[in-house]
N, C-alpha and C. Protein backbone atom coordinates (compact mmCIF):
# COMPACT_ATOMS: atom_id res chain seq x y z
N UNK A 1 19.32 -6.05 -3.25
CA UNK A 1 18.73 -4.88 -3.84
C UNK A 1 17.52 -4.49 -2.99
N UNK A 2 17.44 -3.20 -2.64
CA UNK A 2 16.27 -2.69 -1.93
C UNK A 2 15.58 -1.69 -2.82
N UNK A 3 14.28 -1.85 -2.94
CA UNK A 3 13.50 -0.93 -3.77
C UNK A 3 12.25 -0.55 -3.00
N UNK A 4 12.06 0.74 -2.78
CA UNK A 4 10.86 1.24 -2.13
C UNK A 4 9.95 1.83 -3.20
N UNK A 5 8.68 1.51 -3.11
CA UNK A 5 7.70 2.00 -4.07
C UNK A 5 6.56 2.62 -3.28
N UNK A 6 6.04 3.72 -3.76
CA UNK A 6 4.94 4.38 -3.06
C UNK A 6 3.86 4.81 -4.02
N UNK A 7 2.71 5.07 -3.46
CA UNK A 7 1.58 5.57 -4.25
C UNK A 7 0.72 6.44 -3.34
N UNK A 8 0.05 7.39 -3.93
CA UNK A 8 -0.86 8.25 -3.18
C UNK A 8 -2.24 8.17 -3.81
N UNK A 9 -3.23 7.90 -2.98
CA UNK A 9 -4.61 7.85 -3.44
C UNK A 9 -5.38 8.97 -2.74
N UNK A 10 -6.15 9.69 -3.48
CA UNK A 10 -6.98 10.76 -2.91
C UNK A 10 -8.43 10.40 -3.19
N UNK A 11 -9.18 10.11 -2.14
CA UNK A 11 -10.57 9.71 -2.32
C UNK A 11 -11.48 10.59 -1.47
N UNK A 12 -12.69 10.73 -1.92
CA UNK A 12 -13.72 11.42 -1.14
C UNK A 12 -14.82 10.42 -0.87
N UNK A 13 -15.09 10.19 0.40
CA UNK A 13 -16.10 9.23 0.81
C UNK A 13 -17.25 10.02 1.42
N UNK A 14 -18.43 9.85 0.87
CA UNK A 14 -19.57 10.66 1.30
C UNK A 14 -20.62 9.87 2.09
N UNK A 15 -20.35 8.59 2.30
CA UNK A 15 -21.27 7.75 3.08
C UNK A 15 -20.47 6.63 3.72
N UNK A 16 -20.97 6.05 4.80
CA UNK A 16 -20.26 4.93 5.41
C UNK A 16 -20.00 3.83 4.37
N UNK A 17 -18.81 3.30 4.38
CA UNK A 17 -18.44 2.29 3.40
C UNK A 17 -17.29 1.45 3.91
N UNK A 18 -16.97 0.42 3.19
CA UNK A 18 -15.80 -0.42 3.47
C UNK A 18 -14.83 -0.28 2.32
N UNK A 19 -13.59 0.01 2.64
CA UNK A 19 -12.55 0.09 1.62
C UNK A 19 -11.68 -1.16 1.72
N UNK A 20 -11.30 -1.71 0.60
CA UNK A 20 -10.43 -2.88 0.57
C UNK A 20 -9.21 -2.55 -0.26
N UNK A 21 -8.03 -2.86 0.28
CA UNK A 21 -6.78 -2.61 -0.42
C UNK A 21 -5.97 -3.90 -0.45
N UNK A 22 -5.21 -4.06 -1.50
CA UNK A 22 -4.39 -5.25 -1.65
C UNK A 22 -3.09 -4.87 -2.33
N UNK A 23 -1.99 -5.49 -1.90
CA UNK A 23 -0.72 -5.32 -2.59
C UNK A 23 -0.16 -6.70 -2.91
N UNK A 24 0.65 -6.75 -3.92
CA UNK A 24 1.32 -8.00 -4.27
C UNK A 24 2.64 -7.66 -4.92
N UNK A 25 3.68 -8.32 -4.48
CA UNK A 25 5.01 -8.13 -5.05
C UNK A 25 5.33 -9.34 -5.91
N UNK A 26 5.71 -9.09 -7.13
CA UNK A 26 6.07 -10.19 -8.04
C UNK A 26 7.34 -10.87 -7.53
N UNK A 27 7.36 -12.19 -7.51
CA UNK A 27 8.56 -12.89 -7.06
C UNK A 27 9.73 -12.62 -7.99
N UNK A 28 10.91 -12.55 -7.39
CA UNK A 28 12.14 -12.34 -8.15
C UNK A 28 13.10 -13.49 -7.83
N UNK A 29 13.61 -14.14 -8.84
CA UNK A 29 14.52 -15.27 -8.63
C UNK A 29 15.72 -14.83 -7.81
N UNK A 30 16.01 -15.58 -6.75
CA UNK A 30 17.18 -15.32 -5.93
C UNK A 30 17.04 -14.19 -4.93
N UNK A 31 15.86 -13.59 -4.81
CA UNK A 31 15.67 -12.48 -3.87
C UNK A 31 14.63 -12.86 -2.83
N UNK A 32 14.87 -12.40 -1.60
CA UNK A 32 13.84 -12.50 -0.56
C UNK A 32 12.97 -11.26 -0.69
N UNK A 33 11.69 -11.46 -0.89
CA UNK A 33 10.77 -10.36 -1.13
C UNK A 33 9.90 -10.15 0.10
N UNK A 34 9.81 -8.92 0.56
CA UNK A 34 8.89 -8.57 1.65
C UNK A 34 7.99 -7.45 1.16
N UNK A 35 6.82 -7.37 1.74
CA UNK A 35 5.89 -6.32 1.36
C UNK A 35 5.19 -5.81 2.60
N UNK A 36 4.81 -4.55 2.57
CA UNK A 36 4.06 -3.96 3.67
C UNK A 36 3.12 -2.91 3.11
N UNK A 37 2.11 -2.60 3.89
CA UNK A 37 1.11 -1.63 3.47
C UNK A 37 0.79 -0.77 4.69
N UNK A 38 0.86 0.54 4.54
CA UNK A 38 0.51 1.43 5.64
C UNK A 38 -0.38 2.54 5.12
N UNK A 39 -1.14 3.12 6.02
CA UNK A 39 -2.09 4.18 5.67
C UNK A 39 -1.81 5.40 6.52
N UNK A 40 -1.97 6.56 5.92
CA UNK A 40 -1.85 7.82 6.63
C UNK A 40 -3.13 8.61 6.38
N UNK A 41 -3.76 9.07 7.45
CA UNK A 41 -4.98 9.87 7.35
C UNK A 41 -4.77 11.15 8.13
N UNK A 42 -4.86 12.26 7.46
CA UNK A 42 -4.64 13.57 8.10
C UNK A 42 -3.30 13.62 8.82
N UNK A 43 -2.27 13.07 8.18
CA UNK A 43 -0.92 13.11 8.73
C UNK A 43 -0.62 12.08 9.80
N UNK A 44 -1.56 11.21 10.12
CA UNK A 44 -1.36 10.18 11.14
C UNK A 44 -1.36 8.81 10.50
N UNK A 45 -0.32 8.02 10.86
CA UNK A 45 -0.22 6.67 10.31
C UNK A 45 -1.05 5.71 11.12
């Protein structure tokens, strides 16, 4: 089974800062689980 999940975050940053992001995929019995995280800023990945 392949399942793609996505989310969109819209933030406004008005001063220098550090952003931290984390993802976690719940384990599924009998399945190999992979996860990835990518960012797009102004249309560029």
